[in-house]
Amino acid sequence: MKNSPNLGSRADGYLRRRWTPPFRRLGPLLVGGIVVWSIASLFVGDRGLARLLELRWREEELSAELHTMKKEAENLKWQLAESGPMAVERPAREKFSMQRPGEIVYYFPRTDAPQPAVDAEEGPTPEPSER
């Protein structure tokens, strides 16, 4: 093949490559790697597309919950306005034993529950089922 004048020039061109600096060979690889990494990060990770869709769904869910709570709060405000200030004061007094400044509160035993008989020497009398 080397003796042939036509093939010699073509053969030398195929066998010999022009020297290229390493950064010219690595440049496209780096750019390609960055592009692949960028596309992959769009779909995966904290800021990915899947996370974005999940957060939008959660936002809609919370928005609907907020809307129902606002409606409920509005209804409670209307009920409070209709019943007056005693509607707040009475449960506070009963549940938490609250009182106004300077007020004395007396507590009486309930009369609806039967009281066990107490003998001075023996103590409380046991119920018939306990004997």
C-alpha atoms as a PDB file:
ATOM      1  CA  MET A   1       0.000   0.000   0.000  1.00  0.00           C
ATOM      2  CA  LYS A   2       2.782   2.412   0.670  1.00  0.00           C
ATOM      3  CA  ASN A   3       4.076   2.008  -2.840  1.00  0.00           C
ATOM      4  CA  SER A   4       0.860   3.146  -4.349  1.00  0.00           C
ATOM      5  CA  PRO A   5       0.890   6.957  -4.815  1.00  0.00           C
ATOM      6  CA  ASN A   6      -2.907   7.333  -4.680  1.00  0.00           C
ATOM      7  CA  LEU A   7      -3.447   5.328  -1.507  1.00  0.00           C
ATOM      8  CA  GLY A   8      -0.429   6.629   0.364  1.00  0.00           C
ATOM      9  CA  SER A   9      -1.739  10.135   0.943  1.00  0.00           C
ATOM     10  CA  ARG A  10      -5.177   8.869   1.965  1.00  0.00           C
ATOM     11  CA  ALA A  11      -3.747   6.151   4.191  1.00  0.00           C
ATOM     12  CA  ASP A  12      -1.543   8.643   6.009  1.00  0.00           C
ATOM     13  CA  GLY A  13      -4.583  10.845   6.674  1.00  0.00           C
ATOM     14  CA  TYR A  14      -6.529   7.961   8.161  1.00  0.00           C
ATOM     15  CA  LEU A  15      -3.719   6.703  10.318  1.00  0.00           C
ATOM     16  CA  ARG A  16      -2.520  10.018  11.541  1.00  0.00           C
ATOM     17  CA  ARG A  17      -4.755  12.246  13.575  1.00  0.00           C
ATOM     18  CA  ARG A  18      -4.095  15.849  14.254  1.00  0.00           C
ATOM     19  CA  TRP A  19      -3.038  16.514  17.851  1.00  0.00           C
ATOM     20  CA  THR A  20      -5.740  18.257  19.938  1.00  0.00           C
ATOM     21  CA  PRO A  21      -5.193  19.675  23.390  1.00  0.00           C
ATOM     22  CA  PRO A  22      -6.853  17.732  26.267  1.00  0.00           C
ATOM     23  CA  PHE A  23      -9.206  20.572  27.230  1.00  0.00           C
ATOM     24  CA  ARG A  24     -10.691  20.455  23.744  1.00  0.00           C
ATOM     25  CA  ARG A  25     -11.448  16.777  24.169  1.00  0.00           C
ATOM     26  CA  LEU A  26     -12.701  17.089  27.744  1.00  0.00           C
ATOM     27  CA  GLY A  27     -14.732  20.247  27.141  1.00  0.00           C
ATOM     28  CA  PRO A  28     -17.621  18.539  25.320  1.00  0.00           C
ATOM     29  CA  LEU A  29     -17.592  15.744  27.892  1.00  0.00           C
ATOM     30  CA  LEU A  30     -17.834  18.238  30.739  1.00  0.00           C
ATOM     31  CA  VAL A  31     -20.605  20.177  29.041  1.00  0.00           C
ATOM     32  CA  GLY A  32     -22.489  16.938  28.338  1.00  0.00           C
ATOM     33  CA  GLY A  33     -22.049  15.825  31.938  1.00  0.00           C
ATOM     34  CA  ILE A  34     -23.340  19.155  33.245  1.00  0.00           C
ATOM     35  CA  VAL A  35     -26.356  18.955  30.940  1.00  0.00           C
ATOM     36  CA  VAL A  36     -27.146  15.386  32.051  1.00  0.00           C
ATOM     37  CA  TRP A  37     -26.714  16.354  35.715  1.00  0.00           C
ATOM     38  CA  SER A  38     -28.990  19.401  35.272  1.00  0.00           C
ATOM     39  CA  ILE A  39     -31.733  17.369  33.616  1.00  0.00           C
ATOM     40  CA  ALA A  40     -31.479  14.680  36.304  1.00  0.00           C
ATOM     41  CA  SER A  41     -31.693  17.282  39.069  1.00  0.00           C
ATOM     42  CA  LEU A  42     -34.913  18.607  37.534  1.00  0.00           C
ATOM     43  CA  PHE A  43     -36.640  15.312  38.307  1.00  0.00           C
ATOM     44  CA  VAL A  44     -34.892  14.158  41.480  1.00  0.00           C
ATOM     45  CA  GLY A  45     -33.945  15.869  44.728  1.00  0.00           C
ATOM     46  CA  ASP A  46     -35.287  18.525  47.068  1.00  0.00           C
ATOM     47  CA  ARG A  47     -36.007  20.959  44.284  1.00  0.00           C
ATOM     48  CA  GLY A  48     -37.014  18.452  41.654  1.00  0.00           C
ATOM     49  CA  LEU A  49     -40.168  18.325  39.596  1.00  0.00           C
ATOM     50  CA  ALA A  50     -41.670  15.545  41.720  1.00  0.00           C
ATOM     51  CA  ARG A  51     -41.121  17.590  44.898  1.00  0.00           C
ATOM     52  CA  LEU A  52     -42.645  20.653  43.227  1.00  0.00           C
ATOM     53  CA  LEU A  53     -45.766  18.720  42.264  1.00  0.00           C
ATOM     54  CA  GLU A  54     -46.018  17.275  45.778  1.00  0.00           C
ATOM     55  CA  LEU A  55     -45.741  20.737  47.319  1.00  0.00           C
ATOM     56  CA  ARG A  56     -48.403  22.155  45.006  1.00  0.00           C
ATOM     57  CA  TRP A  57     -50.769  19.312  45.934  1.00  0.00           C
ATOM     58  CA  ARG A  58     -50.056  19.961  49.639  1.00  0.00           C
ATOM     59  CA  GLU A  59     -50.668  23.680  49.141  1.00  0.00           C
ATOM     60  CA  GLU A  60     -54.089  23.000  47.605  1.00  0.00           C
ATOM     61  CA  GLU A  61     -54.928  20.635  50.448  1.00  0.00           C
ATOM     62  CA  LEU A  62     -53.912  23.165  53.107  1.00  0.00           C
ATOM     63  CA  SER A  63     -55.720  25.936  51.281  1.00  0.00           C
ATOM     64  CA  ALA A  64     -58.953  23.952  51.350  1.00  0.00           C
ATOM     65  CA  GLU A  65     -58.448  23.173  55.049  1.00  0.00           C
ATOM     66  CA  LEU A  66     -57.813  26.854  55.773  1.00  0.00           C
ATOM     67  CA  HIS A  67     -60.978  27.800  53.923  1.00  0.00           C
ATOM     68  CA  THR A  68     -63.099  25.390  55.994  1.00  0.00           C
ATOM     69  CA  MET A  69     -61.492  26.605  59.225  1.00  0.00           C
ATOM     70  CA  LYS A  70     -62.206  30.229  58.320  1.00  0.00           C
ATOM     71  CA  LYS A  71     -65.843  29.322  57.714  1.00  0.00           C
ATOM     72  CA  GLU A  72     -65.995  27.520  61.056  1.00  0.00           C
ATOM     73  CA  ALA A  73     -64.394  30.484  62.839  1.00  0.00           C
ATOM     74  CA  GLU A  74     -66.923  32.825  61.252  1.00  0.00           C
ATOM     75  CA  ASN A  75     -69.800  30.592  62.416  1.00  0.00           C
ATOM     76  CA  LEU A  76     -68.381  30.503  65.929  1.00  0.00           C
ATOM     77  CA  LYS A  77     -68.087  34.295  65.969  1.00  0.00           C
ATOM     78  CA  TRP A  78     -71.747  34.586  65.015  1.00  0.00           C
ATOM     79  CA  GLN A  79     -72.750  32.110  67.722  1.00  0.00           C
ATOM     80  CA  LEU A  80     -70.714  34.025  70.295  1.00  0.00           C
ATOM     81  CA  ALA A  81     -72.215  37.345  69.243  1.00  0.00           C
ATOM     82  CA  GLU A  82     -75.740  35.895  69.525  1.00  0.00           C
ATOM     83  CA  SER A  83     -75.259  34.302  72.948  1.00  0.00           C
ATOM     84  CA  GLY A  84     -73.506  37.220  74.637  1.00  0.00           C
ATOM     85  CA  PRO A  85     -70.524  37.476  76.998  1.00  0.00           C
ATOM     86  CA  MET A  86     -71.866  34.891  79.461  1.00  0.00           C
ATOM     87  CA  ALA A  87     -71.312  32.185  76.839  1.00  0.00           C
ATOM     88  CA  VAL A  88     -67.567  32.532  77.420  1.00  0.00           C
ATOM     89  CA  GLU A  89     -67.669  33.258  81.128  1.00  0.00           C
ATOM     90  CA  ARG A  90     -69.793  30.290  82.212  1.00  0.00           C
ATOM     91  CA  PRO A  91     -67.604  27.498  80.747  1.00  0.00           C
ATOM     92  CA  ALA A  92     -64.486  29.254  82.073  1.00  0.00           C
ATOM     93  CA  ARG A  93     -65.979  29.344  85.566  1.00  0.00           C
ATOM     94  CA  GLU A  94     -67.157  25.718  85.448  1.00  0.00           C
ATOM     95  CA  LYS A  95     -64.208  24.004  83.787  1.00  0.00           C
ATOM     96  CA  PHE A  96     -61.283  26.022  85.115  1.00  0.00           C
ATOM     97  CA  SER A  97     -62.748  27.318  88.421  1.00  0.00           C
ATOM     98  CA  MET A  98     -62.078  30.897  87.379  1.00  0.00           C
ATOM     99  CA  GLN A  99     -63.474  33.824  89.297  1.00  0.00           C
ATOM    100  CA  ARG A 100     -63.589  37.587  89.087  1.00  0.00           C
ATOM    101  CA  PRO A 101     -61.278  39.689  91.258  1.00  0.00           C
ATOM    102  CA  GLY A 102     -62.708  40.113  94.753  1.00  0.00           C
ATOM    103  CA  GLU A 103     -65.315  37.386  94.223  1.00  0.00           C
ATOM    104  CA  ILE A 104     -65.779  34.503  96.671  1.00  0.00           C
ATOM    105  CA  VAL A 105     -66.848  31.184  95.172  1.00  0.00           C
ATOM    106  CA  TYR A 106     -68.624  28.569  97.260  1.00  0.00           C
ATOM    107  CA  TYR A 107     -68.655  24.926  96.236  1.00  0.00           C
ATOM    108  CA  PHE A 108     -71.419  22.616  97.451  1.00  0.00           C
ATOM    109  CA  PRO A 109     -71.404  18.827  97.287  1.00  0.00           C
ATOM    110  CA  ARG A 110     -73.571  17.299  94.636  1.00  0.00           C
ATOM    111  CA  THR A 111     -76.860  15.921  95.911  1.00  0.00           C
ATOM    112  CA  ASP A 112     -77.532  13.559  93.018  1.00  0.00           C
ATOM    113  CA  ALA A 113     -74.938  10.940  94.167  1.00  0.00           C
ATOM    114  CA  PRO A 114     -75.789   8.948  97.345  1.00  0.00           C
ATOM    115  CA  GLN A 115     -73.370   9.580 100.202  1.00  0.00           C
ATOM    116  CA  PRO A 116     -72.088   6.535 102.142  1.00  0.00           C
ATOM    117  CA  ALA A 117     -73.081   6.394 105.787  1.00  0.00           C
ATOM    118  CA  VAL A 118     -70.233   7.099 108.200  1.00  0.00           C
ATOM    119  CA  ASP A 119     -70.108   5.421 111.593  1.00  0.00           C
ATOM    120  CA  ALA A 120     -67.922   7.209 114.125  1.00  0.00           C
ATOM    121  CA  GLU A 121     -66.120   4.075 115.283  1.00  0.00           C
ATOM    122  CA  GLU A 122     -65.961   1.945 112.130  1.00  0.00           C
ATOM    123  CA  GLY A 123     -65.460   4.494 109.370  1.00  0.00           C
ATOM    124  CA  PRO A 124     -67.472   4.396 106.118  1.00  0.00           C
ATOM    125  CA  THR A 125     -69.984   1.601 105.841  1.00  0.00           C
ATOM    126  CA  PRO A 126     -69.142  -0.741 102.925  1.00  0.00           C
ATOM    127  CA  GLU A 127     -71.641  -1.264 100.184  1.00  0.00           C
ATOM    128  CA  PRO A 128     -73.706  -4.472 100.341  1.00  0.00           C
ATOM    129  CA  SER A 129     -71.898  -5.909  97.302  1.00  0.00           C
ATOM    130  CA  GLU A 130     -68.495  -5.523  99.005  1.00  0.00           C
ATOM    131  CA  ARG A 131     -69.329  -7.699 102.066  1.00  0.00           C
END
